Amino acid sequence: MLTDGESPWTGHDPAPLVEPDKDVVRIWSDGGMGEAPHHEVPIIFPRSAFALAVETVGEDLREFLQPLRAWLDARVSHASAEFISKFDTRFVRVRPADGD
Protein backbone atom coordinates (compact mmCIF):
# COMPACT_ATOMS: atom_id res chain seq x y z
CA MET A 1 0.00 0.00 0.00
CA LEU A 2 2.70 2.48 0.88
CA THR A 3 4.88 1.43 -2.02
CA ASP A 4 2.30 1.06 -4.78
CA GLY A 5 -0.20 3.71 -3.67
CA GLU A 6 -3.11 1.26 -3.93
CA SER A 7 -5.70 1.18 -1.18
CA PRO A 8 -6.21 -2.33 0.21
CA TRP A 9 -9.61 -3.90 -0.42
CA THR A 10 -11.35 -4.88 2.81
CA GLY A 11 -13.78 -7.25 1.15
CA HIS A 12 -16.99 -5.41 1.93
CA ASP A 13 -19.00 -2.24 1.45
CA PRO A 14 -18.52 0.31 2.86
CA ALA A 15 -14.92 -0.08 1.82
CA PRO A 16 -12.46 2.23 3.57
CA LEU A 17 -10.04 4.16 1.40
CA VAL A 18 -6.41 4.37 2.47
CA GLU A 19 -4.77 7.30 0.74
CA PRO A 20 -0.99 7.84 1.02
CA ASP A 21 0.12 11.41 0.40
CA LYS A 22 3.74 12.50 0.89
CA ASP A 23 4.31 12.44 4.68
CA VAL A 24 0.81 11.36 5.77
CA VAL A 25 -1.71 8.59 5.21
CA ARG A 26 -5.41 9.43 5.22
CA ILE A 27 -8.01 6.80 6.02
CA TRP A 28 -11.54 7.53 4.81
CA SER A 29 -14.54 5.50 6.01
CA ASP A 30 -15.55 4.85 2.41
CA GLY A 31 -14.29 5.40 -1.12
CA GLY A 32 -12.33 2.15 -1.42
CA MET A 33 -14.58 0.75 -4.14
CA GLY A 34 -13.86 3.58 -6.53
CA GLU A 35 -16.48 6.04 -5.34
CA ALA A 36 -15.44 9.44 -4.05
CA PRO A 37 -15.31 9.67 -0.26
CA HIS A 38 -18.32 11.46 1.15
CA HIS A 39 -17.87 14.57 3.23
CA GLU A 40 -16.35 12.75 6.21
CA VAL A 41 -13.21 13.84 7.96
CA PRO A 42 -10.39 11.31 7.43
CA ILE A 43 -8.17 9.86 10.11
CA ILE A 44 -4.68 11.17 9.37
CA PHE A 45 -1.49 9.34 10.39
CA PRO A 46 2.09 10.39 9.87
CA ARG A 47 3.38 8.00 7.20
CA SER A 48 6.05 6.55 9.51
CA ALA A 49 3.50 5.90 12.29
CA PHE A 50 1.17 4.17 9.81
CA ALA A 51 4.01 1.94 8.55
CA LEU A 52 4.92 1.03 12.14
CA ALA A 53 1.28 0.22 12.96
CA VAL A 54 1.01 -2.03 9.89
CA GLU A 55 4.22 -3.84 10.91
CA THR A 56 2.93 -4.27 14.47
CA VAL A 57 -0.29 -5.82 13.18
CA GLY A 58 1.81 -8.13 10.99
CA GLU A 59 3.79 -9.28 14.03
CA ASP A 60 0.56 -9.95 15.94
CA LEU A 61 -0.79 -11.98 13.02
CA ARG A 62 2.46 -13.98 12.72
CA GLU A 63 2.17 -14.85 16.42
CA PHE A 64 -1.46 -15.87 15.83
CA LEU A 65 -0.60 -18.43 13.12
CA GLN A 66 0.47 -21.22 15.51
CA PRO A 67 -2.63 -21.10 17.76
CA LEU A 68 -4.79 -20.82 14.65
CA ARG A 69 -3.08 -23.86 13.12
CA ALA A 70 -3.60 -25.86 16.34
CA TRP A 71 -7.28 -24.90 16.48
CA LEU A 72 -7.83 -25.82 12.83
CA ASP A 73 -5.92 -29.11 13.19
CA ALA A 74 -8.26 -30.10 16.02
CA ARG A 75 -11.41 -29.25 14.09
CA VAL A 76 -10.81 -29.47 10.33
CA SER A 77 -7.40 -31.08 9.94
CA HIS A 78 -8.02 -31.85 6.25
CA ALA A 79 -8.26 -28.11 5.46
CA SER A 80 -5.82 -26.71 8.02
CA ALA A 81 -2.69 -26.46 5.86
CA GLU A 82 -4.49 -24.81 2.94
CA PHE A 83 -6.27 -22.32 5.19
CA ILE A 84 -3.06 -21.40 7.04
CA SER A 85 -1.26 -20.91 3.72
CA LYS A 86 -3.99 -18.59 2.41
CA PHE A 87 -4.24 -16.69 5.70
CA ASP A 88 -0.46 -16.26 5.77
CA THR A 89 -0.33 -15.03 2.17
CA ARG A 90 -3.31 -12.69 2.48
CA PHE A 91 -2.74 -11.18 5.93
CA VAL A 92 0.67 -11.97 7.38
CA ARG A 93 3.06 -11.46 4.48
CA VAL A 94 1.59 -8.06 3.67
CA ARG A 95 4.18 -5.61 4.98
CA PRO A 96 5.32 -2.13 4.06
CA ALA A 97 8.61 -2.02 2.20
CA ASP A 98 11.71 -0.94 4.11
CA GLY A 99 11.87 2.81 4.44
CA ASP A 100 8.11 3.34 4.18
C-alpha atoms as a PDB file:
ATOM      1  CA  MET A   1       0.000   0.000   0.000  1.00  0.00           C
ATOM      2  CA  LEU A   2       2.698   2.481   0.885  1.00  0.00           C
ATOM      3  CA  THR A   3       4.884   1.428  -2.016  1.00  0.00           C
ATOM      4  CA  ASP A   4       2.302   1.057  -4.782  1.00  0.00           C
ATOM      5  CA  GLY A   5      -0.204   3.710  -3.671  1.00  0.00           C
ATOM      6  CA  GLU A   6      -3.106   1.256  -3.933  1.00  0.00           C
ATOM      7  CA  SER A   7      -5.702   1.182  -1.184  1.00  0.00           C
ATOM      8  CA  PRO A   8      -6.213  -2.330   0.214  1.00  0.00           C
ATOM      9  CA  TRP A   9      -9.614  -3.899  -0.416  1.00  0.00           C
ATOM     10  CA  THR A  10     -11.351  -4.879   2.814  1.00  0.00           C
ATOM     11  CA  GLY A  11     -13.781  -7.247   1.155  1.00  0.00           C
ATOM     12  CA  HIS A  12     -16.992  -5.410   1.928  1.00  0.00           C
ATOM     13  CA  ASP A  13     -19.001  -2.236   1.451  1.00  0.00           C
ATOM     14  CA  PRO A  14     -18.516   0.314   2.862  1.00  0.00           C
ATOM     15  CA  ALA A  15     -14.924  -0.082   1.823  1.00  0.00           C
ATOM     16  CA  PRO A  16     -12.459   2.226   3.569  1.00  0.00           C
ATOM     17  CA  LEU A  17     -10.039   4.155   1.401  1.00  0.00           C
ATOM     18  CA  VAL A  18      -6.409   4.370   2.472  1.00  0.00           C
ATOM     19  CA  GLU A  19      -4.773   7.300   0.741  1.00  0.00           C
ATOM     20  CA  PRO A  20      -0.988   7.838   1.021  1.00  0.00           C
ATOM     21  CA  ASP A  21       0.120  11.413   0.395  1.00  0.00           C
ATOM     22  CA  LYS A  22       3.736  12.502   0.895  1.00  0.00           C
ATOM     23  CA  ASP A  23       4.311  12.443   4.683  1.00  0.00           C
ATOM     24  CA  VAL A  24       0.813  11.362   5.766  1.00  0.00           C
ATOM     25  CA  VAL A  25      -1.710   8.589   5.211  1.00  0.00           C
ATOM     26  CA  ARG A  26      -5.412   9.435   5.218  1.00  0.00           C
ATOM     27  CA  ILE A  27      -8.013   6.804   6.016  1.00  0.00           C
ATOM     28  CA  TRP A  28     -11.539   7.529   4.810  1.00  0.00           C
ATOM     29  CA  SER A  29     -14.537   5.500   6.012  1.00  0.00           C
ATOM     30  CA  ASP A  30     -15.554   4.846   2.405  1.00  0.00           C
ATOM     31  CA  GLY A  31     -14.291   5.398  -1.122  1.00  0.00           C
ATOM     32  CA  GLY A  32     -12.334   2.148  -1.417  1.00  0.00           C
ATOM     33  CA  MET A  33     -14.583   0.751  -4.136  1.00  0.00           C
ATOM     34  CA  GLY A  34     -13.859   3.584  -6.533  1.00  0.00           C
ATOM     35  CA  GLU A  35     -16.479   6.036  -5.341  1.00  0.00           C
ATOM     36  CA  ALA A  36     -15.437   9.438  -4.053  1.00  0.00           C
ATOM     37  CA  PRO A  37     -15.305   9.670  -0.260  1.00  0.00           C
ATOM     38  CA  HIS A  38     -18.325  11.455   1.154  1.00  0.00           C
ATOM     39  CA  HIS A  39     -17.872  14.566   3.230  1.00  0.00           C
ATOM     40  CA  GLU A  40     -16.354  12.746   6.209  1.00  0.00           C
ATOM     41  CA  VAL A  41     -13.211  13.840   7.957  1.00  0.00           C
ATOM     42  CA  PRO A  42     -10.394  11.313   7.427  1.00  0.00           C
ATOM     43  CA  ILE A  43      -8.169   9.860  10.107  1.00  0.00           C
ATOM     44  CA  ILE A  44      -4.683  11.167   9.369  1.00  0.00           C
ATOM     45  CA  PHE A  45      -1.493   9.336  10.385  1.00  0.00           C
ATOM     46  CA  PRO A  46       2.086  10.391   9.871  1.00  0.00           C
ATOM     47  CA  ARG A  47       3.384   7.999   7.200  1.00  0.00           C
ATOM     48  CA  SER A  48       6.049   6.552   9.515  1.00  0.00           C
ATOM     49  CA  ALA A  49       3.495   5.896  12.286  1.00  0.00           C
ATOM     50  CA  PHE A  50       1.171   4.165   9.810  1.00  0.00           C
ATOM     51  CA  ALA A  51       4.008   1.939   8.547  1.00  0.00           C
ATOM     52  CA  LEU A  52       4.919   1.033  12.138  1.00  0.00           C
ATOM     53  CA  ALA A  53       1.281   0.224  12.957  1.00  0.00           C
ATOM     54  CA  VAL A  54       1.011  -2.034   9.889  1.00  0.00           C
ATOM     55  CA  GLU A  55       4.218  -3.841  10.908  1.00  0.00           C
ATOM     56  CA  THR A  56       2.930  -4.272  14.467  1.00  0.00           C
ATOM     57  CA  VAL A  57      -0.294  -5.821  13.184  1.00  0.00           C
ATOM     58  CA  GLY A  58       1.812  -8.130  10.992  1.00  0.00           C
ATOM     59  CA  GLU A  59       3.793  -9.279  14.033  1.00  0.00           C
ATOM     60  CA  ASP A  60       0.561  -9.946  15.937  1.00  0.00           C
ATOM     61  CA  LEU A  61      -0.793 -11.983  13.019  1.00  0.00           C
ATOM     62  CA  ARG A  62       2.459 -13.976  12.720  1.00  0.00           C
ATOM     63  CA  GLU A  63       2.167 -14.855  16.422  1.00  0.00           C
ATOM     64  CA  PHE A  64      -1.460 -15.869  15.834  1.00  0.00           C
ATOM     65  CA  LEU A  65      -0.598 -18.427  13.123  1.00  0.00           C
ATOM     66  CA  GLN A  66       0.472 -21.222  15.511  1.00  0.00           C
ATOM     67  CA  PRO A  67      -2.626 -21.098  17.763  1.00  0.00           C
ATOM     68  CA  LEU A  68      -4.794 -20.823  14.655  1.00  0.00           C
ATOM     69  CA  ARG A  69      -3.077 -23.856  13.117  1.00  0.00           C
ATOM     70  CA  ALA A  70      -3.601 -25.865  16.340  1.00  0.00           C
ATOM     71  CA  TRP A  71      -7.277 -24.899  16.481  1.00  0.00           C
ATOM     72  CA  LEU A  72      -7.830 -25.823  12.831  1.00  0.00           C
ATOM     73  CA  ASP A  73      -5.924 -29.113  13.190  1.00  0.00           C
ATOM     74  CA  ALA A  74      -8.256 -30.104  16.024  1.00  0.00           C
ATOM     75  CA  ARG A  75     -11.410 -29.253  14.091  1.00  0.00           C
ATOM     76  CA  VAL A  76     -10.807 -29.474  10.331  1.00  0.00           C
ATOM     77  CA  SER A  77      -7.403 -31.079   9.936  1.00  0.00           C
ATOM     78  CA  HIS A  78      -8.023 -31.847   6.249  1.00  0.00           C
ATOM     79  CA  ALA A  79      -8.255 -28.113   5.462  1.00  0.00           C
ATOM     80  CA  SER A  80      -5.821 -26.714   8.017  1.00  0.00           C
ATOM     81  CA  ALA A  81      -2.687 -26.458   5.858  1.00  0.00           C
ATOM     82  CA  GLU A  82      -4.488 -24.814   2.940  1.00  0.00           C
ATOM     83  CA  PHE A  83      -6.273 -22.320   5.195  1.00  0.00           C
ATOM     84  CA  ILE A  84      -3.058 -21.402   7.038  1.00  0.00           C
ATOM     85  CA  SER A  85      -1.263 -20.912   3.717  1.00  0.00           C
ATOM     86  CA  LYS A  86      -3.990 -18.593   2.408  1.00  0.00           C
ATOM     87  CA  PHE A  87      -4.238 -16.694   5.705  1.00  0.00           C
ATOM     88  CA  ASP A  88      -0.457 -16.256   5.769  1.00  0.00           C
ATOM     89  CA  THR A  89      -0.327 -15.031   2.170  1.00  0.00           C
ATOM     90  CA  ARG A  90      -3.309 -12.687   2.481  1.00  0.00           C
ATOM     91  CA  PHE A  91      -2.742 -11.185   5.935  1.00  0.00           C
ATOM     92  CA  VAL A  92       0.674 -11.972   7.385  1.00  0.00           C
ATOM     93  CA  ARG A  93       3.063 -11.455   4.480  1.00  0.00           C
ATOM     94  CA  VAL A  94       1.589  -8.058   3.668  1.00  0.00           C
ATOM     95  CA  ARG A  95       4.181  -5.609   4.981  1.00  0.00           C
ATOM     96  CA  PRO A  96       5.317  -2.132   4.055  1.00  0.00           C
ATOM     97  CA  ALA A  97       8.613  -2.020   2.195  1.00  0.00           C
ATOM     98  CA  ASP A  98      11.710  -0.939   4.113  1.00  0.00           C
ATOM     99  CA  GLY A  99      11.865   2.809   4.441  1.00  0.00           C
ATOM    100  CA  ASP A 100       8.106   3.341   4.178  1.00  0.00           C
END
